[in-house]
Protein backbone atom coordinates (compact mmCIF):
# COMPACT_ATOMS: atom_id res chain seq x y z
CA MET A 1 -9.17 23.45 1.82
CA THR A 2 -7.30 23.34 -1.25
CA ARG A 3 -5.96 20.13 -2.72
CA ARG A 4 -2.32 21.34 -2.00
CA ILE A 5 -2.98 21.51 1.60
CA VAL A 6 -4.75 18.32 1.88
CA ALA A 7 -2.10 16.23 0.15
CA PRO A 8 0.14 16.01 2.56
CA LEU A 9 -2.08 15.20 5.32
CA VAL A 10 -3.58 12.60 3.08
CA LEU A 11 -0.20 11.20 2.11
CA ALA A 12 0.39 10.63 6.15
CA ALA A 13 -2.73 8.94 6.71
CA LEU A 14 -2.37 6.47 3.55
CA ALA A 15 0.52 4.85 5.02
CA ALA A 16 -1.08 2.28 6.97
CA PRO A 17 -3.46 0.83 4.46
CA LEU A 18 -1.40 1.16 1.08
CA VAL A 19 2.29 0.80 2.42
CA LEU A 20 2.58 -2.66 0.79
CA ALA A 21 0.44 -2.16 -2.06
CA GLY A 22 3.69 -1.70 -4.07
CA CYS A 23 7.15 -1.21 -2.67
CA GLY A 24 10.71 -1.24 -3.69
CA ASP A 25 13.01 1.74 -5.15
CA GLY A 26 13.95 0.50 -8.45
CA GLY A 27 17.27 -0.36 -7.21
CA ASP A 28 19.83 -3.02 -8.45
CA SER A 29 18.48 -6.49 -7.73
CA GLU A 30 19.48 -9.63 -9.09
CA SER A 31 17.46 -11.11 -12.03
CA PRO A 32 15.59 -13.60 -11.30
CA ALA A 33 16.55 -17.20 -12.64
CA PRO A 34 14.52 -18.27 -15.77
CA SER A 35 12.50 -20.76 -13.59
CA GLU A 36 11.39 -18.07 -11.31
CA SER A 37 10.28 -15.84 -14.30
CA ALA A 38 6.84 -16.42 -14.87
CA HIS A 39 6.24 -16.18 -10.92
CA ILE A 40 7.85 -12.86 -10.86
CA ASP A 41 6.17 -11.71 -13.76
CA ARG A 42 2.13 -12.73 -12.21
CA ALA A 43 3.67 -10.84 -9.11
CA ASN A 44 4.50 -7.80 -10.91
CA ALA A 45 1.13 -7.95 -12.96
CA ILE A 46 -0.52 -8.10 -9.50
CA CYS A 47 1.23 -4.94 -8.64
CA ARG A 48 0.38 -3.11 -11.62
CA ASP A 49 -3.04 -3.53 -10.96
CA GLY A 50 -2.70 -2.58 -7.68
CA LEU A 51 -1.33 0.65 -8.80
CA LYS A 52 -4.43 1.11 -10.98
CA GLN A 53 -6.55 0.49 -7.97
CA ALA A 54 -4.77 2.97 -5.96
CA ARG A 55 -5.27 5.86 -8.24
CA ARG A 56 -8.97 4.90 -8.64
CA LEU A 57 -9.13 5.10 -4.78
CA GLY A 58 -7.31 8.27 -4.97
CA ARG A 59 -9.91 9.78 -7.37
CA THR A 60 -12.79 8.42 -5.32
CA ALA A 61 -11.44 9.68 -2.26
CA LEU A 62 -11.22 13.35 -3.47
CA GLN A 63 -15.02 13.58 -3.51
CA ARG A 64 -15.06 12.79 0.28
CA LEU A 65 -12.27 15.40 1.09
CA ASP A 66 -14.45 18.12 -0.19
CA THR A 67 -16.23 17.59 3.15
CA GLY A 68 -12.82 18.20 5.06
CA ALA A 69 -9.77 16.32 5.80
CA ASP A 70 -10.41 15.43 9.58
CA LEU A 71 -9.10 11.91 10.95
CA ASP A 72 -12.64 10.64 10.38
CA VAL A 73 -13.03 11.70 6.93
CA VAL A 74 -9.50 10.59 6.05
CA THR A 75 -10.08 7.14 7.39
CA GLU A 76 -13.18 6.70 5.89
CA ALA A 77 -11.77 8.15 2.22
CA PHE A 78 -8.36 6.31 2.22
CA VAL A 79 -7.58 4.07 5.01
CA LYS A 80 -10.93 1.85 5.38
CA PRO A 81 -11.21 1.39 1.54
CA GLY A 82 -7.72 0.74 1.08
CA ILE A 83 -7.91 -2.37 3.45
CA PRO A 84 -10.05 -4.61 1.11
CA LEU A 85 -7.66 -3.33 -1.64
CA LEU A 86 -4.75 -4.97 0.22
CA GLU A 87 -6.69 -8.00 1.12
CA ARG A 88 -7.24 -8.67 -2.54
CA GLN A 89 -3.79 -8.07 -3.45
CA ALA A 90 -2.22 -10.17 -0.70
CA GLU A 91 -4.36 -13.11 -1.79
CA ARG A 92 -3.54 -12.69 -5.47
CA LEU A 93 0.09 -12.72 -4.46
CA ARG A 94 -0.18 -15.46 -1.83
CA ARG A 95 -1.43 -17.86 -4.97
CA VAL A 96 1.72 -16.79 -6.93
CA GLU A 97 3.61 -17.27 -3.99
CA ALA A 98 2.47 -20.65 -3.18
CA GLU A 99 3.29 -21.99 -6.50
CA ALA A 100 6.68 -20.52 -6.14
CA ASP A 101 9.52 -21.89 -4.22
CA ASP A 102 11.05 -18.50 -3.77
CA PRO A 103 12.03 -17.43 -0.25
CA ARG A 104 12.43 -13.72 -1.55
CA LEU A 105 8.96 -13.69 -2.75
CA THR A 106 7.35 -15.23 0.51
CA ALA A 107 9.39 -12.80 2.48
CA TYR A 108 7.55 -9.82 0.53
CA VAL A 109 4.12 -11.76 0.80
CA GLU A 110 4.29 -12.13 4.43
CA LEU A 111 4.63 -8.53 4.79
CA TYR A 112 1.04 -8.02 4.04
CA ASP A 113 -0.82 -9.40 7.00
CA PRO A 114 0.90 -7.12 9.63
CA VAL A 115 -0.03 -4.18 7.81
CA ILE A 116 -3.78 -5.32 7.23
CA GLU A 117 -3.91 -5.61 10.60
CA LEU A 118 -1.98 -2.26 11.42
CA SER A 119 -5.02 -0.77 8.95
CA ARG A 120 -7.86 -2.14 10.67
CA GLN A 121 -6.38 -0.86 14.11
CA ARG A 122 -5.94 2.40 12.49
CA VAL A 123 -9.92 2.36 11.60
CA GLU A 124 -10.78 1.47 15.23
CA ALA A 125 -8.51 4.21 16.54
CA ALA A 126 -10.15 6.74 14.76
CA ARG A 127 -13.67 5.26 15.12
CA ALA A 128 -12.52 5.91 18.72
CA GLY A 129 -11.26 9.37 18.05
CA ASP A 130 -7.85 8.31 19.44
CA GLY A 131 -5.53 10.59 16.72
CA THR A 132 -2.68 9.74 18.52
CA ARG A 133 -2.92 6.29 18.42
CA ALA A 134 -3.84 6.38 14.72
CA SER A 135 -0.50 8.33 14.13
CA GLU A 136 1.40 5.45 16.09
CA LEU A 137 -0.37 3.16 13.73
CA THR A 138 0.71 4.83 10.78
CA GLU A 139 4.26 5.10 11.96
CA TYR A 140 4.37 1.39 12.42
CA ALA A 141 3.06 0.77 8.96
CA GLU A 142 5.65 3.09 7.57
CA GLN A 143 8.49 1.15 9.37
CA LEU A 144 7.01 -1.91 7.71
CA GLY A 145 6.98 0.01 4.56
CA ALA A 146 10.92 0.08 4.64
CA ASP A 147 11.20 -3.63 4.85
CA GLY A 148 8.53 -4.46 2.25
CA GLN A 149 10.73 -2.10 -0.12
CA LEU A 150 13.52 -4.20 0.60
CA ALA A 151 11.90 -7.38 0.14
CA ALA A 152 10.49 -5.97 -2.97
CA ARG A 153 13.80 -5.31 -4.34
CA GLU A 154 15.35 -8.75 -2.87
CA ALA A 155 12.66 -10.45 -4.83
CA GLY A 156 13.27 -8.92 -8.12
CA LEU A 157 9.84 -7.21 -8.03
CA VAL A 158 10.38 -4.06 -10.57
CA ASP A 159 6.74 -3.35 -11.01
CA CYS A 160 6.43 -3.26 -7.23
CA ASP A 161 9.07 -0.47 -7.19
CA LEU A 162 6.08 2.04 -7.06
CA ASP A 163 4.88 4.47 -4.48
CA PHE A 164 1.36 3.41 -4.27
CA GLN A 165 0.64 6.14 -1.46
CA ARG A 166 1.77 8.84 -3.76
CA ALA A 167 -0.14 7.53 -6.34
CA VAL A 168 -3.34 7.84 -4.37
CA VAL A 169 -2.48 11.31 -3.41
CA GLU A 170 -1.55 12.61 -6.56
CA SER A 171 -4.64 10.93 -7.84
CA SER A 172 -6.91 12.89 -5.45
CA ALA A 173 -5.09 16.02 -6.03
CA GLY A 174 -6.25 15.63 -9.62
CA LYS A 175 -2.53 15.14 -10.68
């Protein structure tokens, strides 16, 4: 299967594990107050690191895609390894959020838990061979991604304004 054919399939599969690894669209958001600046800077640094990890995941997953792009392969190559990435990023962001008194940052960080749970369920659906359920879970995660984009924008997380799913797919396609 060529990389061009695999990329759209992989993009759809990545929604569950990486939907919140970075969100937002770079739209207008209020600048944080100076007292909030350090927390926003730390959160943005975590998002930049998440982008690096997402790209690394994409390059690593490319090796697995040489064996095909069925539900099991995509799950094992992208979704399953994306869960620890999300968990680490969420934990790091929770530490920043605990020090900040910013309900906007809290709203963004709180979206990680449901996405992580959807990702776990997505892995289980693939193990059970239930492609329909895996697709449903991917759709739910995509819906949460829209909420994450809004929350990131409202929190001023400009470095979380990246499409991490696309970064993974482009890395896996050799871009």
